């Protein structure tokens, strides 16, 4: 089997296992069994379990990072907020690898690995910045940054839970 096919199969199998079990509980044996390969292929292509996990996260962040809802100043902020919420809910209820990446995020929050900061910066912070800009248009001008953050967290929390 060509190396790039093996690598892709490992990355796809790994996202599902890491999402189900988290970094610490996931085993390379289970991942390689799902990928139809052996543990030596992980060592050959990625080195350690930690570097494999980093590659899985980076691969799926790049692969699944979709564009945020557009910021069109002609559209009222109430409508942009509704659009953002619909976009976020579609993302959170997705199927396949996108759903696995969302579950991996939840695993990271519950049991953080060294990659939590990267996941936050690459996947979550852009969403928060986008939502914050919408909320800033909906609240009075003198609203504190802390209050805006609380509104952002409220929306994100309600969508998540």
Protein backbone atom coordinates (compact mmCIF):
# COMPACT_ATOMS: atom_id res chain seq x y z
CA UNK A 1 0.00 0.00 0.00
CA UNK A 2 1.50 3.44 -0.93
CA UNK A 3 2.72 5.63 1.94
CA UNK A 4 0.26 8.45 1.24
CA UNK A 5 -2.69 6.02 1.30
CA UNK A 6 -1.45 4.52 4.56
CA UNK A 7 -0.96 7.97 6.06
CA UNK A 8 -4.48 9.07 5.07
CA UNK A 9 -6.02 5.88 6.47
CA UNK A 10 -4.13 6.35 9.74
CA UNK A 11 -5.21 9.99 10.03
CA UNK A 12 -8.86 9.14 9.36
CA UNK A 13 -8.91 6.17 11.75
CA UNK A 14 -7.09 8.16 14.42
CA UNK A 15 -9.52 11.09 14.46
CA UNK A 16 -12.37 8.71 15.27
CA UNK A 17 -10.48 6.88 18.03
CA UNK A 18 -9.03 10.03 19.59
CA UNK A 19 -12.49 11.62 19.50
CA UNK A 20 -14.07 8.60 21.19
CA UNK A 21 -11.42 8.04 23.85
CA UNK A 22 -9.23 11.10 24.12
CA UNK A 23 -5.47 11.16 23.71
CA UNK A 24 -4.57 9.26 26.88
CA UNK A 25 -7.05 6.39 26.47
CA UNK A 26 -6.67 5.91 22.70
CA UNK A 27 -4.28 3.13 21.71
CA UNK A 28 -2.18 2.86 18.61
CA UNK A 29 -3.25 -0.77 18.35
CA UNK A 30 -6.91 0.22 18.02
CA UNK A 31 -6.10 2.98 15.53
CA UNK A 32 -3.94 0.77 13.34
CA UNK A 33 -6.51 -2.02 13.44
CA UNK A 34 -9.18 0.41 12.16
CA UNK A 35 -6.77 1.67 9.51
CA UNK A 36 -5.89 -1.85 8.39
CA UNK A 37 -2.19 -1.40 9.05
CA UNK A 38 0.28 -2.02 11.88
CA UNK A 39 1.85 -0.03 14.69
CA UNK A 40 5.16 0.12 12.84
CA UNK A 41 3.45 2.32 10.22
CA UNK A 42 2.65 4.93 12.89
CA UNK A 43 6.25 4.87 14.08
CA UNK A 44 7.52 5.11 10.51
CA UNK A 45 5.26 7.97 9.40
CA UNK A 46 4.90 9.95 12.64
CA UNK A 47 7.34 8.78 15.31
CA UNK A 48 5.67 8.90 18.72
CA UNK A 49 2.02 8.78 19.72
CA UNK A 50 2.24 12.46 20.70
CA UNK A 51 3.60 13.53 17.32
CA UNK A 52 0.98 11.33 15.62
CA UNK A 53 -1.76 13.03 17.64
CA UNK A 54 -0.35 16.44 16.68
CA UNK A 55 -0.38 15.41 13.02
CA UNK A 56 -3.97 14.16 13.30
CA UNK A 57 -5.16 17.41 14.88
CA UNK A 58 -3.26 19.60 12.40
CA UNK A 59 -4.47 17.54 9.42
CA UNK A 60 -8.11 17.70 10.43
CA UNK A 61 -7.99 21.38 11.42
CA UNK A 62 -6.72 22.19 7.91
CA UNK A 63 -9.11 19.77 6.24
CA UNK A 64 -12.24 20.79 8.13
CA UNK A 65 -11.69 24.46 8.79
CA UNK A 66 -14.52 26.02 6.89
CA UNK A 67 -15.08 29.68 6.29
CA UNK A 68 -16.82 31.62 9.00
CA UNK A 69 -20.10 33.31 8.11
CA UNK A 70 -19.38 36.41 6.06
CA UNK A 71 -19.38 39.82 7.71
CA UNK A 72 -21.63 41.90 5.49
CA UNK A 73 -22.28 45.32 7.07
CA UNK A 74 -25.41 45.63 4.91
CA UNK A 75 -27.02 42.75 6.85
CA UNK A 76 -28.41 43.75 10.27
CA UNK A 77 -26.42 42.29 13.17
CA UNK A 78 -29.49 40.40 14.44
CA UNK A 79 -29.60 38.49 11.15
CA UNK A 80 -25.83 37.89 11.20
CA UNK A 81 -26.15 36.53 14.74
CA UNK A 82 -28.91 34.15 13.64
CA UNK A 83 -26.77 33.13 10.64
CA UNK A 84 -23.75 32.53 12.89
CA UNK A 85 -25.81 30.38 15.26
CA UNK A 86 -27.19 28.31 12.36
CA UNK A 87 -23.63 27.89 11.00
CA UNK A 88 -22.32 26.84 14.42
CA UNK A 89 -25.17 24.39 14.99
CA UNK A 90 -24.63 22.79 11.57
CA UNK A 91 -20.96 22.42 12.43
CA UNK A 92 -21.71 20.94 15.85
CA UNK A 93 -24.21 18.44 14.49
CA UNK A 94 -22.12 17.37 11.51
CA UNK A 95 -21.35 13.79 10.58
CA UNK A 96 -18.12 11.98 9.75
CA UNK A 97 -14.69 13.45 10.41
CA UNK A 98 -16.11 16.90 11.14
CA UNK A 99 -18.22 15.42 13.94
CA UNK A 100 -15.14 13.55 15.19
CA UNK A 101 -13.17 16.79 15.28
CA UNK A 102 -15.92 18.45 17.32
CA UNK A 103 -15.87 15.49 19.72
CA UNK A 104 -12.08 15.72 19.89
CA UNK A 105 -12.48 19.37 20.96
CA UNK A 106 -14.81 18.24 23.75
CA UNK A 107 -12.29 15.56 24.77
CA UNK A 108 -9.57 18.22 24.88
CA UNK A 109 -11.64 20.43 27.17
CA UNK A 110 -12.38 17.52 29.49
CA UNK A 111 -8.84 16.09 29.49
CA UNK A 112 -6.44 18.58 27.90
CA UNK A 113 -3.41 17.42 25.98
CA UNK A 114 -0.45 19.64 25.08
CA UNK A 115 -2.32 20.53 21.87
CA UNK A 116 -5.27 22.26 23.52
CA UNK A 117 -3.78 25.70 22.93
CA UNK A 118 -3.29 24.97 19.22
CA UNK A 119 -6.86 23.69 18.89
CA UNK A 120 -8.18 26.81 20.59
CA UNK A 121 -6.10 29.15 18.42
CA UNK A 122 -6.83 27.44 15.11
CA UNK A 123 -10.45 26.40 15.51
CA UNK A 124 -12.16 28.19 18.36
CA UNK A 125 -10.62 31.66 18.61
CA UNK A 126 -11.66 32.67 15.05
CA UNK A 127 -15.25 31.71 15.88
CA UNK A 128 -15.15 33.72 19.10
CA UNK A 129 -13.70 36.77 17.34
CA UNK A 130 -16.41 36.57 14.68
CA UNK A 131 -19.19 36.24 17.26
CA UNK A 132 -17.70 39.01 19.38
CA UNK A 133 -17.80 41.42 16.45
CA UNK A 134 -21.49 40.67 15.92
CA UNK A 135 -22.36 41.06 19.59
CA UNK A 136 -20.47 44.36 19.81
CA UNK A 137 -22.91 45.74 17.24
CA UNK A 138 -25.90 44.57 19.28
CA UNK A 139 -24.94 45.95 22.69
CA UNK A 140 -24.66 49.60 23.75
CA UNK A 141 -21.39 51.29 22.76
CA UNK A 142 -20.11 51.59 26.33
CA UNK A 143 -20.54 47.90 27.12
CA UNK A 144 -17.43 46.53 28.81
CA UNK A 145 -15.21 43.92 27.19
CA UNK A 146 -16.05 41.57 30.06
CA UNK A 147 -19.78 41.88 29.42
CA UNK A 148 -19.29 41.26 25.69
CA UNK A 149 -17.20 38.16 26.52
CA UNK A 150 -19.99 36.90 28.77
CA UNK A 151 -22.50 37.31 25.94
CA UNK A 152 -20.16 35.44 23.58
CA UNK A 153 -19.69 32.63 26.07
CA UNK A 154 -23.44 32.50 26.67
CA UNK A 155 -24.18 32.04 22.96
CA UNK A 156 -21.36 29.52 22.49
CA UNK A 157 -22.39 27.63 25.64
CA UNK A 158 -26.04 27.45 24.65
CA UNK A 159 -25.09 26.13 21.22
CA UNK A 160 -22.65 23.61 22.71
CA UNK A 161 -24.94 22.25 25.38
